[in-house]
PDB file of all heavy atoms in Angstrom:
ATOM      1  N   GLY A   1       0.809  -1.207  -0.005  1.00  0.00           N
ATOM      2  CA  GLY A   1       0.000  -0.004  -0.004  1.00  0.00           C
ATOM      3  C   GLY A   1       0.841   1.256   0.001  1.00  0.00           C
ATOM      4  O   GLY A   1       0.374   2.329   0.418  1.00  0.00           O
ATOM      5  N   GLN A   2       2.088   1.161  -0.467  1.00  0.00           N
ATOM      6  CA  GLN A   2       3.020   2.301  -0.389  1.00  0.00           C
ATOM      7  C   GLN A   2       3.432   2.829  -1.765  1.00  0.00           C
ATOM      8  O   GLN A   2       4.411   3.556  -1.880  1.00  0.00           O
ATOM      9  CB  GLN A   2       4.259   1.900   0.408  1.00  0.00           C
ATOM     10  CG  GLN A   2       3.965   1.544   1.855  1.00  0.00           C
ATOM     11  CD  GLN A   2       5.209   1.061   2.596  1.00  0.00           C
ATOM     12  OE1 GLN A   2       6.333   1.270   2.152  1.00  0.00           O
ATOM     13  NE2 GLN A   2       4.990   0.405   3.732  1.00  0.00           N
ATOM     14  N   TYR A   3       2.690   2.431  -2.814  1.00  0.00           N
ATOM     15  CA  TYR A   3       2.959   2.988  -4.134  1.00  0.00           C
ATOM     16  C   TYR A   3       2.004   4.165  -4.360  1.00  0.00           C
ATOM     17  O   TYR A   3       0.818   4.069  -4.035  1.00  0.00           O
ATOM     18  CB  TYR A   3       2.738   1.941  -5.227  1.00  0.00           C
ATOM     19  CG  TYR A   3       2.898   2.503  -6.630  1.00  0.00           C
ATOM     20  CD1 TYR A   3       4.125   2.446  -7.282  1.00  0.00           C
ATOM     21  CD2 TYR A   3       1.823   3.103  -7.293  1.00  0.00           C
ATOM     22  CE1 TYR A   3       4.275   2.988  -8.546  1.00  0.00           C
ATOM     23  CE2 TYR A   3       1.982   3.646  -8.555  1.00  0.00           C
ATOM     24  CZ  TYR A   3       3.201   3.592  -9.178  1.00  0.00           C
ATOM     25  OH  TYR A   3       3.375   4.136 -10.439  1.00  0.00           O
ATOM     26  N   PRO A   4       2.484   5.284  -4.899  1.00  0.00           N
ATOM     27  CA  PRO A   4       3.843   5.573  -5.364  1.00  0.00           C
ATOM     28  C   PRO A   4       4.714   6.265  -4.321  1.00  0.00           C
ATOM     29  O   PRO A   4       5.930   6.363  -4.507  1.00  0.00           O
ATOM     30  CB  PRO A   4       3.590   6.519  -6.534  1.00  0.00           C
ATOM     31  CG  PRO A   4       2.349   7.279  -6.136  1.00  0.00           C
ATOM     32  CD  PRO A   4       1.503   6.301  -5.362  1.00  0.00           C
ATOM     33  N   LYS A   5       4.104   6.771  -3.247  1.00  0.00           N
ATOM     34  CA  LYS A   5       4.837   7.644  -2.326  1.00  0.00           C
ATOM     35  C   LYS A   5       6.005   6.962  -1.648  1.00  0.00           C
ATOM     36  O   LYS A   5       7.027   7.607  -1.341  1.00  0.00           O
ATOM     37  CB  LYS A   5       3.877   8.205  -1.278  1.00  0.00           C
ATOM     38  CG  LYS A   5       2.830   9.162  -1.843  1.00  0.00           C
ATOM     39  CD  LYS A   5       1.936   9.746  -0.758  1.00  0.00           C
ATOM     40  CE  LYS A   5       0.943  10.727  -1.345  1.00  0.00           C
ATOM     41  NZ  LYS A   5       0.038  11.296  -0.297  1.00  0.00           N
ATOM     42  N   GLY A   6       5.906   5.659  -1.407  1.00  0.00           N
ATOM     43  CA  GLY A   6       6.969   4.983  -0.679  1.00  0.00           C
ATOM     44  C   GLY A   6       8.135   4.558  -1.546  1.00  0.00           C
ATOM     45  O   GLY A   6       9.211   4.214  -1.028  1.00  0.00           O
ATOM     46  N   VAL A   7       7.975   4.581  -2.849  1.00  0.00           N
ATOM     47  CA  VAL A   7       9.030   4.109  -3.750  1.00  0.00           C
ATOM     48  C   VAL A   7      10.105   5.181  -3.876  1.00  0.00           C
ATOM     49  O   VAL A   7       9.801   6.354  -4.147  1.00  0.00           O
ATOM     50  CB  VAL A   7       8.462   3.795  -5.160  1.00  0.00           C
ATOM     51  CG1 VAL A   7       9.529   3.159  -6.043  1.00  0.00           C
ATOM     52  CG2 VAL A   7       7.232   2.888  -5.064  1.00  0.00           C
ATOM     53  N   PRO A   8      11.376   4.817  -3.681  1.00  0.00           N
ATOM     54  CA  PRO A   8      12.457   5.786  -3.872  1.00  0.00           C
ATOM     55  C   PRO A   8      12.357   6.434  -5.248  1.00  0.00           C
ATOM     56  O   PRO A   8      12.122   5.754  -6.255  1.00  0.00           O
ATOM     57  CB  PRO A   8      13.725   4.927  -3.739  1.00  0.00           C
ATOM     58  CG  PRO A   8      13.297   3.788  -2.865  1.00  0.00           C
ATOM     59  CD  PRO A   8      11.890   3.503  -3.236  1.00  0.00           C
ATOM     60  N   GLU A   9      12.506   7.738  -5.281  1.00  0.00           N
ATOM     61  CA  GLU A   9      12.262   8.507  -6.513  1.00  0.00           C
ATOM     62  C   GLU A   9      13.034   7.952  -7.714  1.00  0.00           C
ATOM     63  O   GLU A   9      12.513   7.881  -8.830  1.00  0.00           O
ATOM     64  CB  GLU A   9      12.654   9.980  -6.279  1.00  0.00           C
ATOM     65  CG  GLU A   9      12.442  10.888  -7.480  1.00  0.00           C
ATOM     66  CD  GLU A   9      10.971  11.020  -7.882  1.00  0.00           C
ATOM     67  OE1 GLU A   9      10.094  10.863  -6.980  1.00  0.00           O
ATOM     68  OE2 GLU A   9      10.693  11.265  -9.070  1.00  0.00           O
ATOM     69  N   GLN A  10      14.293   7.553  -7.473  1.00  0.00           N
ATOM     70  CA  GLN A  10      15.111   7.110  -8.594  1.00  0.00           C
ATOM     71  C   GLN A  10      14.664   5.767  -9.166  1.00  0.00           C
ATOM     72  O   GLN A  10      15.040   5.403 -10.285  1.00  0.00           O
ATOM     73  CB  GLN A  10      16.589   7.034  -8.185  1.00  0.00           C
ATOM     74  CG  GLN A  10      16.953   5.921  -7.202  1.00  0.00           C
ATOM     75  CD  GLN A  10      16.826   6.351  -5.759  1.00  0.00           C
ATOM     76  OE1 GLN A  10      15.961   7.167  -5.422  1.00  0.00           O
ATOM     77  NE2 GLN A  10      17.696   5.833  -4.899  1.00  0.00           N
ATOM     78  N   PHE A  11      13.818   5.024  -8.412  1.00  0.00           N
ATOM     79  CA  PHE A  11      13.356   3.721  -8.881  1.00  0.00           C
ATOM     80  C   PHE A  11      11.874   3.709  -9.218  1.00  0.00           C
ATOM     81  O   PHE A  11      11.338   2.686  -9.668  1.00  0.00           O
ATOM     82  CB  PHE A  11      13.626   2.650  -7.814  1.00  0.00           C
ATOM     83  CG  PHE A  11      15.056   2.553  -7.383  1.00  0.00           C
ATOM     84  CD1 PHE A  11      15.387   2.348  -6.046  1.00  0.00           C
ATOM     85  CD2 PHE A  11      16.092   2.696  -8.310  1.00  0.00           C
ATOM     86  CE1 PHE A  11      16.710   2.256  -5.646  1.00  0.00           C
ATOM     87  CE2 PHE A  11      17.418   2.610  -7.916  1.00  0.00           C
ATOM     88  CZ  PHE A  11      17.739   2.390  -6.584  1.00  0.00           C
ATOM     89  N   LEU A  12      11.215   4.825  -9.027  1.00  0.00           N
ATOM     90  CA  LEU A  12       9.757   4.881  -9.234  1.00  0.00           C
ATOM     91  C   LEU A  12       9.412   4.781 -10.727  1.00  0.00           C
ATOM     92  O   LEU A  12      10.036   5.413 -11.567  1.00  0.00           O
ATOM     93  CB  LEU A  12       9.210   6.201  -8.672  1.00  0.00           C
ATOM     94  CG  LEU A  12       7.721   6.468  -8.895  1.00  0.00           C
ATOM     95  CD1 LEU A  12       6.870   5.441  -8.147  1.00  0.00           C
ATOM     96  CD2 LEU A  12       7.365   7.886  -8.452  1.00  0.00           C
ATOM     97  N   ILE A  13       8.413   3.971 -11.027  1.00  0.00           N
ATOM     98  CA  ILE A  13       7.802   3.964 -12.362  1.00  0.00           C
ATOM     99  C   ILE A  13       6.457   4.663 -12.203  1.00  0.00           C
ATOM    100  O   ILE A  13       5.521   4.119 -11.622  1.00  0.00           O
ATOM    101  CB  ILE A  13       7.603   2.530 -12.901  1.00  0.00           C
ATOM    102  CG1 ILE A  13       8.936   1.771 -12.942  1.00  0.00           C
ATOM    103  CG2 ILE A  13       6.982   2.571 -14.302  1.00  0.00           C
ATOM    104  CD1 ILE A  13       8.804   0.327 -13.384  1.00  0.00           C
ATOM    105  N   LYS A  14       6.375   5.874 -12.705  1.00  0.00           N
ATOM    106  CA  LYS A  14       5.185   6.691 -12.478  1.00  0.00           C
ATOM    107  C   LYS A  14       4.004   6.190 -13.314  1.00  0.00           C
ATOM    108  O   LYS A  14       4.174   5.622 -14.378  1.00  0.00           O
ATOM    109  CB  LYS A  14       5.482   8.158 -12.818  1.00  0.00           C
ATOM    110  CG  LYS A  14       6.523   8.798 -11.912  1.00  0.00           C
ATOM    111  CD  LYS A  14       6.773  10.240 -12.322  1.00  0.00           C
ATOM    112  CE  LYS A  14       7.829  10.890 -11.416  1.00  0.00           C
ATOM    113  NZ  LYS A  14       8.121  12.290 -11.801  1.00  0.00           N
ATOM    114  N   GLY A  15       2.818   6.446 -12.767  1.00  0.00           N
ATOM    115  CA  GLY A  15       1.605   6.241 -13.542  1.00  0.00           C
ATOM    116  C   GLY A  15       1.063   4.828 -13.587  1.00  0.00           C
ATOM    117  O   GLY A  15       0.122   4.555 -14.330  1.00  0.00           O
ATOM    118  N   LEU A  16       1.637   3.897 -12.813  1.00  0.00           N
ATOM    119  CA  LEU A  16       1.138   2.521 -12.866  1.00  0.00           C
ATOM    120  C   LEU A  16      -0.261   2.388 -12.283  1.00  0.00           C
ATOM    121  O   LEU A  16      -0.959   1.418 -12.548  1.00  0.00           O
ATOM    122  CB  LEU A  16       2.088   1.583 -12.112  1.00  0.00           C
ATOM    123  CG  LEU A  16       3.490   1.428 -12.707  1.00  0.00           C
ATOM    124  CD1 LEU A  16       4.296   0.399 -11.902  1.00  0.00           C
ATOM    125  CD2 LEU A  16       3.427   1.006 -14.173  1.00  0.00           C
ATOM    126  N   ASP A  17      -0.667   3.365 -11.483  1.00  0.00           N
ATOM    127  CA  ASP A  17      -2.014   3.328 -10.908  1.00  0.00           C
ATOM    128  C   ASP A  17      -2.970   4.268 -11.622  1.00  0.00           C
ATOM    129  O   ASP A  17      -4.095   4.481 -11.186  1.00  0.00           O
ATOM    130  CB  ASP A  17      -1.975   3.700  -9.420  1.00  0.00           C
ATOM    131  CG  ASP A  17      -1.343   5.071  -9.171  1.00  0.00           C
ATOM    132  OD1 ASP A  17      -0.742   5.636 -10.110  1.00  0.00           O
ATOM    133  OD2 ASP A  17      -1.458   5.575  -8.037  1.00  0.00           O
ATOM    134  N   SER A  18      -2.507   4.850 -12.732  1.00  0.00           N
ATOM    135  CA  SER A  18      -3.372   5.766 -13.473  1.00  0.00           C
ATOM    136  C   SER A  18      -4.278   4.987 -14.416  1.00  0.00           C
ATOM    137  O   SER A  18      -4.068   3.799 -14.670  1.00  0.00           O
ATOM    138  CB  SER A  18      -2.532   6.783 -14.273  1.00  0.00           C
ATOM    139  OG  SER A  18      -1.765   6.095 -15.244  1.00  0.00           O
ATOM    140  N   ASP A  19      -5.299   5.665 -14.933  1.00  0.00           N
ATOM    141  CA  ASP A  19      -6.260   5.014 -15.803  1.00  0.00           C
ATOM    142  C   ASP A  19      -6.234   5.667 -17.181  1.00  0.00           C
ATOM    143  O   ASP A  19      -5.692   6.757 -17.362  1.00  0.00           O
ATOM    144  CB  ASP A  19      -7.668   5.094 -15.193  1.00  0.00           C
ATOM    145  CG  ASP A  19      -8.503   3.876 -15.537  1.00  0.00           C
ATOM    146  OD1 ASP A  19      -8.196   3.219 -16.539  1.00  0.00           O
ATOM    147  OD2 ASP A  19      -9.441   3.577 -14.789  1.00  0.00           O
ATOM    148  N   THR A  20      -6.862   4.980 -18.132  1.00  0.00           N
ATOM    149  CA  THR A  20      -6.976   5.560 -19.465  1.00  0.00           C
ATOM    150  C   THR A  20      -8.183   6.513 -19.489  1.00  0.00           C
ATOM    151  O   THR A  20      -8.972   6.561 -18.580  1.00  0.00           O
ATOM    152  CB  THR A  20      -7.180   4.440 -20.497  1.00  0.00           C
ATOM    153  OG1 THR A  20      -8.274   3.635 -20.077  1.00  0.00           O
ATOM    154  CG2 THR A  20      -5.935   3.582 -20.597  1.00  0.00           C
ATOM    155  N   THR A  21      -8.285   7.249 -20.590  1.00  0.00           N
ATOM    156  CA  THR A  21      -9.454   8.158 -20.712  1.00  0.00           C
ATOM    157  C   THR A  21     -10.741   7.379 -20.769  1.00  0.00           C
ATOM    158  O   THR A  21     -11.738   7.790 -20.176  1.00  0.00           O
ATOM    159  CB  THR A  21      -9.344   8.967 -22.016  1.00  0.00           C
ATOM    160  OG1 THR A  21      -8.131   8.716 -22.644  1.00  0.00           O
ATOM    161  CG2 THR A  21      -9.420  10.414 -21.766  1.00  0.00           C
ATOM    162  N   GLU A  22     -10.735   6.272 -21.463  1.00  0.00           N
ATOM    163  CA  GLU A  22     -11.931   5.406 -21.502  1.00  0.00           C
ATOM    164  C   GLU A  22     -11.972   4.577 -20.228  1.00  0.00           C
ATOM    165  O   GLU A  22     -10.974   3.961 -19.846  1.00  0.00           O
ATOM    166  CB  GLU A  22     -11.881   4.494 -22.729  1.00  0.00           C
ATOM    167  CG  GLU A  22     -11.833   5.214 -24.055  1.00  0.00           C
ATOM    168  CD  GLU A  22     -13.160   5.854 -24.418  1.00  0.00           C
ATOM    169  OE1 GLU A  22     -14.184   5.463 -23.816  1.00  0.00           O
ATOM    170  OE2 GLU A  22     -13.162   6.739 -25.288  1.00  0.00           O
ATOM    171  N   LYS A  23     -13.130   4.562 -19.595  1.00  0.00           N
ATOM    172  CA  LYS A  23     -13.240   3.797 -18.344  1.00  0.00           C
ATOM    173  C   LYS A  23     -14.460   2.888 -18.392  1.00  0.00           C
ATOM    174  O   LYS A  23     -15.416   3.138 -19.121  1.00  0.00           O
ATOM    175  CB  LYS A  23     -13.373   4.750 -17.144  1.00  0.00           C
ATOM    176  CG  LYS A  23     -12.129   5.570 -16.854  1.00  0.00           C
ATOM    177  CD  LYS A  23     -12.345   6.454 -15.639  1.00  0.00           C
ATOM    178  CE  LYS A  23     -11.047   7.178 -15.269  1.00  0.00           C
ATOM    179  NZ  LYS A  23     -10.570   8.074 -16.298  1.00  0.00           N
ATOM    180  N   VAL A  24     -14.391   1.829 -17.600  1.00  0.00           N
ATOM    181  CA  VAL A  24     -15.552   0.949 -17.414  1.00  0.00           C
ATOM    182  C   VAL A  24     -15.754   0.750 -15.916  1.00  0.00           C
ATOM    183  O   VAL A  24     -14.859   1.039 -15.114  1.00  0.00           O
ATOM    184  CB  VAL A  24     -15.359  -0.422 -18.107  1.00  0.00           C
ATOM    185  CG1 VAL A  24     -15.204  -0.261 -19.599  1.00  0.00           C
ATOM    186  CG2 VAL A  24     -14.168  -1.179 -17.524  1.00  0.00           C
ATOM    187  N   LYS A  25     -16.908   0.257 -15.547  1.00  0.00           N
ATOM    188  CA  LYS A  25     -17.170  -0.019 -14.142  1.00  0.00           C
ATOM    189  C   LYS A  25     -16.418  -1.265 -13.716  1.00  0.00           C
ATOM    190  O   LYS A  25     -16.278  -2.218 -14.485  1.00  0.00           O
ATOM    191  CB  LYS A  25     -18.664  -0.173 -13.930  1.00  0.00           C
ATOM    192  CG  LYS A  25     -19.438   1.117 -14.180  1.00  0.00           C
ATOM    193  CD  LYS A  25     -20.915   0.908 -13.950  1.00  0.00           C
ATOM    194  CE  LYS A  25     -21.676   2.191 -14.228  1.00  0.00           C
ATOM    195  NZ  LYS A  25     -23.131   2.017 -14.070  1.00  0.00           N
ATOM    196  N   PRO A  26     -15.947  -1.301 -12.484  1.00  0.00           N
ATOM    197  CA  PRO A  26     -15.117  -2.421 -12.036  1.00  0.00           C
ATOM    198  C   PRO A  26     -15.869  -3.728 -11.914  1.00  0.00           C
ATOM    199  O   PRO A  26     -16.987  -3.785 -11.408  1.00  0.00           O
ATOM    200  CB  PRO A  26     -14.597  -1.948 -10.673  1.00  0.00           C
ATOM    201  CG  PRO A  26     -15.592  -0.937 -10.217  1.00  0.00           C
ATOM    202  CD  PRO A  26     -16.097  -0.254 -11.458  1.00  0.00           C
ATOM    203  N   PHE A  27     -15.236  -4.789 -12.372  1.00  0.00           N
ATOM    204  CA  PHE A  27     -15.707  -6.153 -12.176  1.00  0.00           C
ATOM    205  C   PHE A  27     -15.290  -6.612 -10.770  1.00  0.00           C
ATOM    206  O   PHE A  27     -14.351  -6.088 -10.197  1.00  0.00           O
ATOM    207  CB  PHE A  27     -15.098  -7.095 -13.204  1.00  0.00           C
ATOM    208  CG  PHE A  27     -15.637  -6.944 -14.608  1.00  0.00           C
ATOM    209  CD1 PHE A  27     -15.450  -5.765 -15.333  1.00  0.00           C
ATOM    210  CD2 PHE A  27     -16.322  -7.987 -15.212  1.00  0.00           C
ATOM    211  CE1 PHE A  27     -15.934  -5.639 -16.620  1.00  0.00           C
ATOM    212  CE2 PHE A  27     -16.805  -7.864 -16.502  1.00  0.00           C
ATOM    213  CZ  PHE A  27     -16.609  -6.680 -17.219  1.00  0.00           C
ATOM    214  N   VAL A  28     -15.963  -7.627 -10.252  1.00  0.00           N
ATOM    215  CA  VAL A  28     -15.634  -8.178  -8.924  1.00  0.00           C
ATOM    216  C   VAL A  28     -15.479  -9.696  -9.045  1.00  0.00           C
ATOM    217  O   VAL A  28     -16.330 -10.375  -9.615  1.00  0.00           O
ATOM    218  CB  VAL A  28     -16.755  -7.850  -7.913  1.00  0.00           C
ATOM    219  CG1 VAL A  28     -16.417  -8.449  -6.547  1.00  0.00           C
ATOM    220  CG2 VAL A  28     -16.932  -6.341  -7.785  1.00  0.00           C
ATOM    221  N   ASP A  29     -14.390 -10.216  -8.512  1.00  0.00           N
ATOM    222  CA  ASP A  29     -14.144 -11.666  -8.520  1.00  0.00           C
ATOM    223  C   ASP A  29     -15.003 -12.332  -7.450  1.00  0.00           C
ATOM    224  O   ASP A  29     -14.823 -12.105  -6.255  1.00  0.00           O
ATOM    225  CB  ASP A  29     -12.662 -11.940  -8.267  1.00  0.00           C
ATOM    226  CG  ASP A  29     -12.316 -13.427  -8.389  1.00  0.00           C
ATOM    227  OD1 ASP A  29     -13.221 -14.231  -8.677  1.00  0.00           O
ATOM    228  OD2 ASP A  29     -11.128 -13.753  -8.210  1.00  0.00           O
ATOM    229  N   VAL A  30     -15.947 -13.185  -7.880  1.00  0.00           N
ATOM    230  CA  VAL A  30     -16.869 -13.833  -6.949  1.00  0.00           C
ATOM    231  C   VAL A  30     -16.665 -15.347  -6.888  1.00  0.00           C
ATOM    232  O   VAL A  30     -17.479 -16.077  -6.336  1.00  0.00           O
ATOM    233  CB  VAL A  30     -18.338 -13.523  -7.307  1.00  0.00           C
ATOM    234  CG1 VAL A  30     -18.608 -12.037  -7.199  1.00  0.00           C
ATOM    235  CG2 VAL A  30     -18.684 -14.026  -8.718  1.00  0.00           C
ATOM    236  N   ALA A  31     -15.562 -15.836  -7.460  1.00  0.00           N
ATOM    237  CA  ALA A  31     -15.348 -17.279  -7.535  1.00  0.00           C
ATOM    238  C   ALA A  31     -15.282 -17.930  -6.160  1.00  0.00           C
ATOM    239  O   ALA A  31     -15.821 -19.022  -5.951  1.00  0.00           O
ATOM    240  CB  ALA A  31     -14.074 -17.586  -8.332  1.00  0.00           C
ATOM    241  N   GLU A  32     -14.598 -17.268  -5.216  1.00  0.00           N
ATOM    242  CA  GLU A  32     -14.433 -17.857  -3.892  1.00  0.00           C
ATOM    243  C   GLU A  32     -15.795 -18.014  -3.207  1.00  0.00           C
ATOM    244  O   GLU A  32     -16.095 -19.073  -2.627  1.00  0.00           O
ATOM    245  CB  GLU A  32     -13.512 -17.009  -3.040  1.00  0.00           C
ATOM    246  CG  GLU A  32     -13.231 -17.603  -1.663  1.00  0.00           C
ATOM    247  CD  GLU A  32     -12.225 -16.804  -0.858  1.00  0.00           C
ATOM    248  OE1 GLU A  32     -12.101 -15.588  -1.128  1.00  0.00           O
ATOM    249  OE2 GLU A  32     -11.572 -17.374   0.013  1.00  0.00           O
ATOM    250  N   GLY A  33     -16.621 -16.987  -3.261  1.00  0.00           N
ATOM    251  CA  GLY A  33     -17.925 -17.074  -2.626  1.00  0.00           C
ATOM    252  C   GLY A  33     -18.802 -18.163  -3.201  1.00  0.00           C
ATOM    253  O   GLY A  33     -19.617 -18.763  -2.500  1.00  0.00           O
ATOM    254  N   LEU A  34     -18.623 -18.435  -4.508  1.00  0.00           N
ATOM    255  CA  LEU A  34     -19.407 -19.484  -5.166  1.00  0.00           C
ATOM    256  C   LEU A  34     -18.814 -20.867  -5.007  1.00  0.00           C
ATOM    257  O   LEU A  34     -19.427 -21.858  -5.406  1.00  0.00           O
ATOM    258  CB  LEU A  34     -19.537 -19.155  -6.659  1.00  0.00           C
ATOM    259  CG  LEU A  34     -20.458 -17.998  -7.038  1.00  0.00           C
ATOM    260  CD1 LEU A  34     -20.271 -17.607  -8.495  1.00  0.00           C
ATOM    261  CD2 LEU A  34     -21.914 -18.373  -6.773  1.00  0.00           C
ATOM    262  N   GLY A  35     -17.595 -20.932  -4.442  1.00  0.00           N
ATOM    263  CA  GLY A  35     -16.942 -22.230  -4.264  1.00  0.00           C
ATOM    264  C   GLY A  35     -16.389 -22.813  -5.545  1.00  0.00           C
ATOM    265  O   GLY A  35     -16.226 -24.034  -5.668  1.00  0.00           O
ATOM    266  N   ILE A  36     -16.075 -21.963  -6.527  1.00  0.00           N
ATOM    267  CA  ILE A  36     -15.558 -22.462  -7.802  1.00  0.00           C
ATOM    268  C   ILE A  36     -14.144 -21.929  -8.060  1.00  0.00           C
ATOM    269  O   ILE A  36     -13.689 -21.929  -9.194  1.00  0.00           O
ATOM    270  CB  ILE A  36     -16.482 -22.080  -8.975  1.00  0.00           C
ATOM    271  CG1 ILE A  36     -16.666 -20.559  -9.066  1.00  0.00           C
ATOM    272  CG2 ILE A  36     -17.857 -22.747  -8.819  1.00  0.00           C
ATOM    273  CD1 ILE A  36     -17.475 -20.102 -10.264  1.00  0.00           C
ATOM    274  N   ASN A  37     -13.476 -21.489  -6.991  1.00  0.00           N
ATOM    275  CA  ASN A  37     -12.130 -20.914  -7.114  1.00  0.00           C
ATOM    276  C   ASN A  37     -11.088 -22.013  -7.045  1.00  0.00           C
ATOM    277  O   ASN A  37     -10.405 -22.193  -6.045  1.00  0.00           O
ATOM    278  CB  ASN A  37     -11.886 -19.856  -6.038  1.00  0.00           C
ATOM    279  CG  ASN A  37     -12.116 -20.396  -4.636  1.00  0.00           C
ATOM    280  OD1 ASN A  37     -12.969 -21.257  -4.424  1.00  0.00           O
ATOM    281  ND2 ASN A  37     -11.335 -19.907  -3.678  1.00  0.00           N
ATOM    282  N   ILE A  38     -10.945 -22.741  -8.121  1.00  0.00           N
ATOM    283  CA  ILE A  38      -9.979 -23.840  -8.184  1.00  0.00           C
ATOM    284  C   ILE A  38      -8.566 -23.295  -8.024  1.00  0.00           C
ATOM    285  O   ILE A  38      -8.189 -22.317  -8.660  1.00  0.00           O
ATOM    286  CB  ILE A  38     -10.050 -24.547  -9.535  1.00  0.00           C
ATOM    287  CG1 ILE A  38     -11.487 -25.003  -9.816  1.00  0.00           C
ATOM    288  CG2 ILE A  38      -9.113 -25.719  -9.621  1.00  0.00           C
ATOM    289  CD1 ILE A  38     -11.779 -25.113 -11.283  1.00  0.00           C
ATOM    290  N   ASN A  39      -7.777 -23.926  -7.189  1.00  0.00           N
ATOM    291  CA  ASN A  39      -6.371 -23.567  -7.059  1.00  0.00           C
ATOM    292  C   ASN A  39      -5.599 -24.535  -7.939  1.00  0.00           C
ATOM    293  O   ASN A  39      -5.392 -25.690  -7.566  1.00  0.00           O
ATOM    294  CB  ASN A  39      -5.923 -23.671  -5.601  1.00  0.00           C
ATOM    295  CG  ASN A  39      -4.523 -23.099  -5.406  1.00  0.00           C
ATOM    296  OD1 ASN A  39      -3.854 -22.748  -6.365  1.00  0.00           O
ATOM    297  ND2 ASN A  39      -4.094 -23.021  -4.169  1.00  0.00           N
ATOM    298  N   GLY A  40      -5.200 -24.081  -9.124  1.00  0.00           N
ATOM    299  CA  GLY A  40      -4.591 -25.012 -10.048  1.00  0.00           C
ATOM    300  C   GLY A  40      -3.569 -24.366 -10.940  1.00  0.00           C
ATOM    301  O   GLY A  40      -3.264 -23.174 -10.846  1.00  0.00           O
ATOM    302  N   ARG A  41      -3.059 -25.196 -11.836  1.00  0.00           N
ATOM    303  CA  ARG A  41      -2.089 -24.726 -12.822  1.00  0.00           C
ATOM    304  C   ARG A  41      -2.798 -24.310 -14.106  1.00  0.00           C
ATOM    305  O   ARG A  41      -4.027 -24.340 -14.213  1.00  0.00           O
ATOM    306  CB  ARG A  41      -1.068 -25.830 -13.092  1.00  0.00           C
ATOM    307  CG  ARG A  41      -0.070 -26.001 -11.989  1.00  0.00           C
ATOM    308  CD  ARG A  41       0.896 -27.132 -12.242  1.00  0.00           C
ATOM    309  NE  ARG A  41       0.360 -28.410 -11.822  1.00  0.00           N
ATOM    310  CZ  ARG A  41       1.072 -29.527 -11.759  1.00  0.00           C
ATOM    311  NH1 ARG A  41       2.335 -29.522 -12.105  1.00  0.00           N
ATOM    312  NH2 ARG A  41       0.536 -30.660 -11.353  1.00  0.00           N
ATOM    313  N   ALA A  42      -1.997 -23.937 -15.094  1.00  0.00           N
ATOM    314  CA  ALA A  42      -2.538 -23.521 -16.392  1.00  0.00           C
ATOM    315  C   ALA A  42      -3.531 -24.552 -16.904  1.00  0.00           C
ATOM    316  O   ALA A  42      -3.318 -25.756 -16.783  1.00  0.00           O
ATOM    317  CB  ALA A  42      -1.383 -23.359 -17.381  1.00  0.00           C
ATOM    318  N   GLY A  43      -4.604 -24.070 -17.514  1.00  0.00           N
ATOM    319  CA  GLY A  43      -5.601 -24.993 -18.035  1.00  0.00           C
ATOM    320  C   GLY A  43      -6.657 -24.289 -18.851  1.00  0.00           C
ATOM    321  O   GLY A  43      -6.600 -23.080 -19.091  1.00  0.00           O
ATOM    322  N   GLY A  44      -7.623 -25.072 -19.290  1.00  0.00           N
ATOM    323  CA  GLY A  44      -8.689 -24.557 -20.138  1.00  0.00           C
ATOM    324  C   GLY A  44     -10.006 -24.494 -19.394  1.00  0.00           C
ATOM    325  O   GLY A  44     -10.152 -24.999 -18.286  1.00  0.00           O
ATOM    326  N   VAL A  45     -10.989 -23.864 -20.054  1.00  0.00           N
ATOM    327  CA  VAL A  45     -12.325 -23.750 -19.485  1.00  0.00           C
ATOM    328  C   VAL A  45     -13.365 -23.781 -20.593  1.00  0.00           C
ATOM    329  O   VAL A  45     -13.119 -23.240 -21.678  1.00  0.00           O
ATOM    330  CB  VAL A  45     -12.476 -22.470 -18.621  1.00  0.00           C
ATOM    331  CG1 VAL A  45     -12.234 -21.224 -19.469  1.00  0.00           C
ATOM    332  CG2 VAL A  45     -13.849 -22.396 -17.991  1.00  0.00           C
TER     333      VAL A  45
END
């Protein structure tokens, strides 16, 4: 929770938390609540 203020100036990559002009409403990950949050490796669906 210390980006960007906590990052030493010489190592900071600015703007990683900025957004584009076009925006959408945020999605929410609900897999855990539904019990479908498989802990696995690469795969298909």
